Amino acid sequence: MKQNSDLNAFFYSPVVRRLVPYVPGEQPKMEGLIKLNTNENPYPPSPRVLAAILQAAQQGLQLYPDPDATPLRQAIAAQHGLAPQHVFLGNGSDEVLAHAFFAFFQHGCPLLMPDISYSFYQVYCRLYGIPVETVPLTETLRLDVAAYARADSSAVAGVVIANPNAPTGVGLPLAQVEQLLRLHPERVVLVDEAYVDFGGDSAMGLIAQYPNLLVVHTLSKSRSLAGLRIGFACGQAHLIEALERVKNSFNSYPLDRLAIAGGVAAFEDQAWFEQTRRAVMSSREGLALALEDLGFQVLPSQANFVFVRHPQHDAAAIAAALRARGVLVRHFKLPRIEQYLRISIGTPMQCDALVQALASVLAALA
């Protein structure tokens, strides 16, 4: 009988043998932890979402959902001043991103992306065999748009950035997003705006002007629907058509009836959306000040998290000590950022508990 490693080599395709999958943040099975490690919204979704899901669950589940998720597509288009044919939907923004990488970046030349960004981008490139050229952030972990200029823009596969960036939380002004679009008019520039509702500048208003712009959003963060898995992309009709071709060659029904109904209700309750996102932003500013009082260096964030380091203490040791005290934060053991922690914004009570735990940790480490 062959060992597992031998069976892997025997049955796996060469691509799968080389894959290094994305590792999501810990979803702990223990109760009572203060979970500030995966950038979920600390507040529940609108009550209208729960009512819509319940109603959808009581009728029609024996039938396939609308493959185009038409009501949700219309709601998103109306929210952003677009036509429905400018909207594409998928099972979370990760699926939308995966389809976009397949549709737009397989040109046999490098895809440009920041050296510090959402690590799933590199996974998609390995999966699809897309060469990568990382562009270093500045010493202060800002994106340098000028560094993306190339003498021949057709010699790159495209550009992908997160704005605000993850895991730094630093936002890029809209004028610099436009600069990127003008640098590479022959290639798609994908702007991943997962966190933009927490204070960033959205590029949605640039779609009519730039045929190479694709903007990707998620309902997991600002709409409190991480558990429903709804993502979408917006762009001119020719980009959306390409995404539809990929989607319908993979899975014609990415969103179920419950997700469609819940997503529509989330966009119908703008008051709830505004209330919860402003609460997160307020807590973020208060937490940043409290962390600075503890000696942390805090990057300016336009996301629902902060990215921080303590000049006198090891980040991994702080994260481990916090976990022992029942508080989870995210530590990335990666070049340039291994001394940083990414801390999701919780409720005021959770933020206070974090600060108290950190004070205890720093005292113990002193």
Protein backbone atom coordinates (compact mmCIF):
# COMPACT_ATOMS: atom_id res chain seq x y z
CA MET A 1 0.00 0.00 0.00
CA LYS A 2 1.44 3.36 -1.00
CA GLN A 3 1.96 6.06 1.63
CA ASN A 4 -0.20 9.18 1.41
CA SER A 5 2.68 11.22 -0.01
CA ASP A 6 3.17 8.65 -2.75
CA LEU A 7 -0.54 8.62 -3.54
CA ASN A 8 -0.53 12.41 -3.75
CA ALA A 9 2.27 12.31 -6.30
CA PHE A 10 0.48 9.52 -8.17
CA PHE A 11 -3.02 11.02 -8.39
CA TYR A 12 -2.52 14.79 -8.18
CA SER A 13 -2.05 16.88 -11.29
CA PRO A 14 1.23 18.85 -11.42
CA VAL A 15 -0.66 22.09 -10.74
CA VAL A 16 -2.27 20.73 -7.56
CA ARG A 17 1.06 19.35 -6.32
CA ARG A 18 2.53 22.85 -6.56
CA LEU A 19 -0.39 24.67 -4.95
CA VAL A 20 0.04 26.48 -1.64
CA PRO A 21 -3.57 27.29 -0.64
CA TYR A 22 -4.79 30.42 1.09
CA VAL A 23 -5.01 30.07 4.87
CA PRO A 24 -8.04 31.88 6.31
CA GLY A 25 -8.07 33.42 9.75
CA GLU A 26 -8.81 31.09 12.63
CA GLN A 27 -12.47 30.30 13.22
CA PRO A 28 -12.23 29.01 16.79
CA LYS A 29 -14.48 26.29 18.15
CA MET A 30 -14.11 27.56 21.73
CA GLU A 31 -16.80 29.86 23.10
CA GLY A 32 -16.17 33.04 25.02
CA LEU A 33 -13.27 34.32 22.90
CA ILE A 34 -13.17 37.92 21.78
CA LYS A 35 -12.73 37.38 18.05
CA LEU A 36 -10.85 40.26 16.41
CA ASN A 37 -8.91 38.30 13.80
CA THR A 38 -11.03 37.98 10.63
CA ASN A 39 -12.50 41.47 10.02
CA GLU A 40 -16.10 40.45 10.48
CA ASN A 41 -18.60 43.15 11.38
CA PRO A 42 -19.23 43.13 15.15
CA TYR A 43 -22.88 44.06 14.58
CA PRO A 44 -25.61 41.79 13.21
CA PRO A 45 -27.28 42.42 9.85
CA SER A 46 -30.43 44.45 9.49
CA PRO A 47 -33.56 42.82 10.96
CA ARG A 48 -35.04 43.22 7.48
CA VAL A 49 -32.37 40.82 6.20
CA LEU A 50 -33.37 38.16 8.72
CA ALA A 51 -37.05 38.57 7.84
CA ALA A 52 -36.33 38.29 4.12
CA ILE A 53 -34.26 35.13 4.62
CA LEU A 54 -37.00 33.53 6.70
CA GLN A 55 -39.59 34.31 4.06
CA ALA A 56 -37.34 32.94 1.30
CA ALA A 57 -36.73 29.76 3.31
CA GLN A 58 -40.45 29.11 3.49
CA GLN A 59 -41.06 29.12 -0.24
CA GLY A 60 -39.38 27.85 -3.35
CA LEU A 61 -36.33 26.00 -1.99
CA GLN A 62 -37.19 23.02 -4.16
CA LEU A 63 -36.46 25.20 -7.21
CA TYR A 64 -33.13 26.50 -8.49
CA PRO A 65 -32.45 30.17 -7.77
CA ASP A 66 -32.33 32.84 -10.46
CA PRO A 67 -28.93 32.23 -12.14
CA ASP A 68 -28.53 35.99 -12.67
CA ALA A 69 -29.73 36.92 -9.15
CA THR A 70 -31.72 39.64 -10.93
CA PRO A 71 -33.33 41.35 -7.90
CA LEU A 72 -29.97 41.68 -6.16
CA ARG A 73 -28.22 42.82 -9.33
CA GLN A 74 -30.89 45.52 -9.73
CA ALA A 75 -30.54 46.61 -6.09
CA ILE A 76 -26.75 46.92 -6.39
CA ALA A 77 -27.01 48.81 -9.67
CA ALA A 78 -29.50 51.26 -8.16
CA GLN A 79 -27.29 51.77 -5.11
CA HIS A 80 -24.29 52.75 -7.25
CA GLY A 81 -26.03 54.59 -10.08
CA LEU A 82 -25.30 51.88 -12.64
CA ALA A 83 -27.26 49.74 -15.07
CA PRO A 84 -27.84 46.09 -14.08
CA GLN A 85 -25.65 44.91 -16.97
CA HIS A 86 -22.73 46.60 -15.20
CA VAL A 87 -23.02 44.26 -12.18
CA PHE A 88 -21.72 40.71 -11.70
CA LEU A 89 -22.49 38.53 -8.68
CA GLY A 90 -20.64 35.62 -7.12
CA ASN A 91 -20.38 33.43 -4.04
CA GLY A 92 -18.39 35.90 -1.95
CA SER A 93 -15.87 38.34 -3.36
CA ASP A 94 -13.25 35.57 -3.32
CA GLU A 95 -15.14 33.73 -6.07
CA VAL A 96 -15.63 36.98 -7.97
CA LEU A 97 -11.90 37.65 -7.75
CA ALA A 98 -11.08 34.11 -8.88
CA HIS A 99 -13.27 34.51 -11.97
CA ALA A 100 -11.73 37.92 -12.69
CA PHE A 101 -8.18 36.56 -12.52
CA PHE A 102 -9.17 33.78 -14.93
CA ALA A 103 -10.98 36.15 -17.29
CA PHE A 104 -8.52 39.04 -17.50
CA PHE A 105 -5.00 38.20 -16.38
CA GLN A 106 -3.91 35.14 -18.38
CA HIS A 107 -1.82 36.95 -20.97
CA GLY A 108 1.50 35.18 -20.36
CA CYS A 109 3.05 38.28 -18.81
CA PRO A 110 3.25 39.44 -15.18
CA LEU A 111 0.34 40.71 -13.14
CA LEU A 112 1.33 43.72 -11.05
CA MET A 113 0.29 43.84 -7.41
CA PRO A 114 1.65 45.23 -4.12
CA ASP A 115 4.17 43.10 -2.25
CA ILE A 116 2.00 43.45 0.86
CA SER A 117 -1.67 42.86 0.08
CA TYR A 118 -4.44 40.27 0.24
CA SER A 119 -2.58 36.96 0.05
CA PHE A 120 -5.32 35.24 -1.95
CA TYR A 121 -4.15 37.18 -5.05
CA GLN A 122 -0.96 35.14 -5.15
CA VAL A 123 -2.95 31.92 -4.71
CA TYR A 124 -5.09 32.68 -7.77
CA CYS A 125 -1.95 33.36 -9.78
CA ARG A 126 -0.43 30.02 -8.79
CA LEU A 127 -3.69 28.25 -9.59
CA TYR A 128 -3.97 29.77 -13.07
CA GLY A 129 -0.26 29.95 -13.88
CA ILE A 130 -0.19 33.75 -13.98
CA PRO A 131 3.27 35.28 -13.53
CA VAL A 132 3.47 37.86 -10.75
CA GLU A 133 5.50 41.01 -10.35
CA THR A 134 5.17 42.48 -6.89
CA VAL A 135 5.63 46.21 -6.49
CA PRO A 136 6.99 47.14 -3.05
CA LEU A 137 5.00 49.42 -0.81
CA THR A 138 6.96 52.40 0.44
CA GLU A 139 8.86 52.29 3.73
CA THR A 140 5.73 53.66 5.42
CA LEU A 141 3.64 50.87 3.80
CA ARG A 142 1.90 53.12 1.27
CA LEU A 143 1.22 52.22 -2.33
CA ASP A 144 3.54 54.00 -4.79
CA VAL A 145 1.52 54.49 -7.98
CA ALA A 146 4.48 55.77 -9.99
CA ALA A 147 6.22 52.42 -9.44
CA TYR A 148 3.52 50.74 -11.57
CA ALA A 149 4.50 52.63 -14.72
CA ARG A 150 5.93 50.54 -17.55
CA ALA A 151 7.27 51.60 -20.94
CA ASP A 152 4.91 49.11 -22.60
CA SER A 153 1.68 48.64 -20.66
CA SER A 154 0.73 45.67 -22.84
CA ALA A 155 3.75 43.81 -21.41
CA VAL A 156 1.88 43.31 -18.14
CA ALA A 157 -1.23 41.20 -17.57
CA GLY A 158 -2.95 43.91 -15.55
CA VAL A 159 -2.97 45.44 -12.10
CA VAL A 160 -4.73 44.36 -8.92
CA ILE A 161 -4.86 46.40 -5.72
CA ALA A 162 -6.97 46.41 -2.59
CA ASN A 163 -8.19 49.87 -1.65
CA PRO A 164 -8.09 50.33 1.29
CA ASN A 165 -5.20 47.92 1.30
CA ALA A 166 -5.25 44.72 3.30
CA PRO A 167 -3.76 44.07 5.77
CA THR A 168 -2.50 47.65 6.25
CA GLY A 169 -5.86 49.47 6.08
CA VAL A 170 -4.26 52.41 4.27
CA GLY A 171 -6.41 53.95 1.53
CA LEU A 172 -5.39 55.29 -1.87
CA PRO A 173 -6.90 58.63 -2.97
CA LEU A 174 -9.17 58.47 -5.99
CA ALA A 175 -6.84 60.64 -8.07
CA GLN A 176 -4.12 58.01 -7.69
CA VAL A 177 -6.52 55.23 -8.68
CA GLU A 178 -7.17 57.21 -11.87
CA GLN A 179 -3.43 57.49 -12.41
CA LEU A 180 -3.17 53.70 -12.29
CA LEU A 181 -5.98 53.38 -14.82
CA ARG A 182 -4.25 55.78 -17.19
CA LEU A 183 -0.91 53.98 -16.82
CA HIS A 184 -2.39 50.73 -18.18
CA PRO A 185 -5.24 51.58 -20.58
CA GLU A 186 -4.85 48.27 -22.46
CA ARG A 187 -5.21 46.07 -19.37
CA VAL A 188 -7.76 45.58 -16.62
CA VAL A 189 -7.08 47.38 -13.36
CA LEU A 190 -8.94 45.53 -10.60
CA VAL A 191 -9.68 47.55 -7.48
CA ASP A 192 -10.77 45.35 -4.57
CA GLU A 193 -12.90 47.58 -2.33
CA ALA A 194 -13.83 45.07 0.38
CA TYR A 195 -13.32 47.72 3.09
CA VAL A 196 -14.13 50.95 1.25
CA ASP A 197 -17.37 51.62 3.15
CA PHE A 198 -15.37 52.35 6.32
CA GLY A 199 -13.93 55.62 5.05
CA GLY A 200 -12.20 54.93 1.74
CA ASP A 201 -12.73 56.56 -1.66
CA SER A 202 -14.69 54.28 -3.99
CA ALA A 203 -13.86 54.10 -7.69
CA MET A 204 -17.45 53.23 -8.61
CA GLY A 205 -17.96 56.71 -10.05
CA LEU A 206 -15.11 56.15 -12.53
CA ILE A 207 -16.63 53.11 -14.26
CA ALA A 208 -18.33 55.03 -17.08
CA GLN A 209 -15.06 56.82 -17.88
CA TYR A 210 -12.63 53.87 -17.79
CA PRO A 211 -13.35 50.70 -19.81
CA ASN A 212 -10.43 48.94 -18.05
CA LEU A 213 -11.76 49.40 -14.50
CA LEU A 214 -13.27 46.53 -12.51
CA VAL A 215 -14.38 47.28 -8.94
CA VAL A 216 -15.00 44.34 -6.57
CA HIS A 217 -17.10 44.54 -3.39
CA THR A 218 -18.35 42.20 -0.70
CA LEU A 219 -21.36 42.18 1.62
CA SER A 220 -19.29 40.39 4.27
CA LYS A 221 -17.92 43.52 5.95
CA SER A 222 -20.04 46.66 5.94
CA ARG A 223 -23.32 44.78 5.39
CA SER A 224 -22.63 42.18 8.15
CA LEU A 225 -23.27 39.23 5.84
CA ALA A 226 -20.05 37.21 5.98
CA GLY A 227 -22.14 34.11 6.60
CA LEU A 228 -24.17 34.49 3.39
CA ARG A 229 -21.20 34.73 0.97
CA ILE A 230 -22.18 37.50 -1.45
CA GLY A 231 -19.67 39.35 -3.58
CA PHE A 232 -20.03 41.48 -6.68
CA ALA A 233 -18.06 43.28 -9.33
CA CYS A 234 -18.94 46.40 -11.27
CA GLY A 235 -17.54 47.52 -14.59
CA GLN A 236 -18.51 48.29 -18.14
CA ALA A 237 -20.65 45.71 -19.92
CA HIS A 238 -17.79 44.07 -21.84
CA LEU A 239 -16.01 43.19 -18.55
CA ILE A 240 -19.19 41.83 -16.99
CA GLU A 241 -19.80 39.68 -20.08
CA ALA A 242 -16.36 38.11 -19.66
CA LEU A 243 -17.09 37.30 -16.02
CA GLU A 244 -20.44 35.77 -16.99
CA ARG A 245 -18.67 33.53 -19.51
CA VAL A 246 -16.39 32.22 -16.80
CA LYS A 247 -19.15 31.86 -14.23
CA ASN A 248 -21.40 29.94 -16.60
CA SER A 249 -18.52 27.60 -17.43
CA PHE A 250 -18.08 26.88 -13.72
CA ASN A 251 -21.32 27.25 -11.73
CA SER A 252 -24.48 28.81 -13.11
CA TYR A 253 -26.06 29.18 -9.65
CA PRO A 254 -23.47 30.74 -7.31
CA LEU A 255 -26.04 32.47 -5.09
CA ASP A 256 -28.89 30.59 -3.44
CA ARG A 257 -32.38 31.95 -2.82
CA LEU A 258 -31.61 32.90 0.79
CA ALA A 259 -28.52 34.90 -0.18
CA ILE A 260 -30.37 36.76 -2.94
CA ALA A 261 -33.25 37.68 -0.63
CA GLY A 262 -30.94 38.69 2.22
CA GLY A 263 -28.72 40.74 -0.05
CA VAL A 264 -31.64 42.70 -1.49
CA ALA A 265 -32.93 43.46 2.02
CA ALA A 266 -29.48 44.65 3.10
CA PHE A 267 -29.46 47.27 0.35
CA GLU A 268 -33.01 48.30 1.16
CA ASP A 269 -32.09 49.21 4.75
CA GLN A 270 -29.61 52.04 4.23
CA ALA A 271 -30.26 53.45 7.69
CA TRP A 272 -28.98 50.25 9.32
CA PHE A 273 -25.95 50.23 7.04
CA GLU A 274 -25.07 53.82 7.93
CA GLN A 275 -25.61 53.25 11.64
CA THR A 276 -23.39 50.19 11.89
CA ARG A 277 -20.56 51.39 9.65
CA ARG A 278 -20.36 54.70 11.52
CA ALA A 279 -20.28 52.80 14.82
CA VAL A 280 -17.32 50.76 13.53
CA MET A 281 -15.51 53.89 12.33
CA SER A 282 -16.05 55.61 15.66
CA SER A 283 -14.71 52.61 17.57
CA ARG A 284 -11.73 52.45 15.21
CA GLU A 285 -10.70 56.01 15.99
CA GLY A 286 -11.08 55.46 19.72
CA LEU A 287 -9.15 52.19 19.62
CA ALA A 288 -6.32 53.78 17.63
CA LEU A 289 -5.88 56.46 20.29
CA ALA A 290 -5.95 53.88 23.09
CA LEU A 291 -3.34 51.75 21.32
CA GLU A 292 -1.08 54.76 20.79
CA ASP A 293 -1.36 55.47 24.53
CA LEU A 294 -0.01 51.93 25.09
CA GLY A 295 2.99 52.68 22.89
CA PHE A 296 1.79 51.09 19.65
CA GLN A 297 2.46 52.60 16.25
CA VAL A 298 -0.85 52.61 14.37
CA LEU A 299 -1.14 53.01 10.60
CA PRO A 300 -3.96 55.33 9.48
CA SER A 301 -6.85 53.02 8.66
CA GLN A 302 -9.87 53.40 6.37
CA ALA A 303 -10.96 49.82 7.03
CA ASN A 304 -12.71 47.92 9.82
CA PHE A 305 -9.35 47.01 11.35
CA VAL A 306 -6.11 48.62 12.44
CA PHE A 307 -2.57 47.53 11.62
CA VAL A 308 -0.20 48.12 14.51
CA ARG A 309 3.23 47.34 15.88
CA HIS A 310 4.92 47.88 19.23
CA PRO A 311 8.55 48.99 18.87
CA GLN A 312 9.59 47.23 22.07
CA HIS A 313 7.79 43.89 21.87
CA ASP A 314 7.53 40.99 19.43
CA ALA A 315 4.22 40.83 17.60
CA ALA A 316 3.96 37.03 17.69
CA ALA A 317 4.54 37.04 21.46
CA ILE A 318 1.83 39.67 21.93
CA ALA A 319 -0.63 37.70 19.80
CA ALA A 320 0.06 34.48 21.72
CA ALA A 321 -0.31 36.24 25.07
CA LEU A 322 -3.59 37.80 23.96
CA ARG A 323 -4.92 34.42 22.89
CA ALA A 324 -4.08 33.02 26.30
CA ARG A 325 -6.26 35.81 27.69
CA GLY A 326 -9.15 34.96 25.35
CA VAL A 327 -8.56 37.61 22.66
CA LEU A 328 -7.81 36.69 19.03
CA VAL A 329 -5.96 39.03 16.66
CA ARG A 330 -4.21 38.27 13.35
CA HIS A 331 -0.44 37.93 13.03
CA PHE A 332 1.19 37.46 9.62
CA LYS A 333 4.58 35.79 9.66
CA LEU A 334 5.61 37.46 6.42
CA PRO A 335 8.53 39.63 5.30
CA ARG A 336 8.28 43.32 6.23
CA ILE A 337 5.16 42.89 8.39
CA GLU A 338 6.06 40.13 10.84
CA GLN A 339 6.17 42.68 13.67
CA TYR A 340 2.64 43.95 12.94
CA LEU A 341 -0.72 42.81 14.22
CA ARG A 342 -4.01 43.27 12.38
CA ILE A 343 -6.81 43.92 14.86
CA SER A 344 -10.45 43.88 13.72
CA ILE A 345 -12.72 46.53 15.16
CA GLY A 346 -15.18 45.07 17.65
CA THR A 347 -17.97 46.56 19.71
CA PRO A 348 -16.98 49.21 22.28
CA MET A 349 -17.06 46.50 24.95
CA GLN A 350 -14.78 44.23 22.91
CA CYS A 351 -12.37 47.08 22.16
CA ASP A 352 -12.20 47.94 25.86
CA ALA A 353 -11.50 44.30 26.73
CA LEU A 354 -8.74 44.22 24.11
CA VAL A 355 -7.09 47.33 25.52
CA GLN A 356 -7.22 45.92 29.05
CA ALA A 357 -5.75 42.61 27.87
CA LEU A 358 -2.98 44.43 25.99
CA ALA A 359 -2.11 46.48 29.03
CA SER A 360 -1.79 43.25 31.00
CA VAL A 361 0.31 41.64 28.25
CA LEU A 362 2.70 44.57 27.97
CA ALA A 363 3.15 44.69 31.73
CA ALA A 364 3.97 40.97 31.75
CA LEU A 365 6.42 41.33 28.84
CA ALA A 366 8.20 44.37 30.32
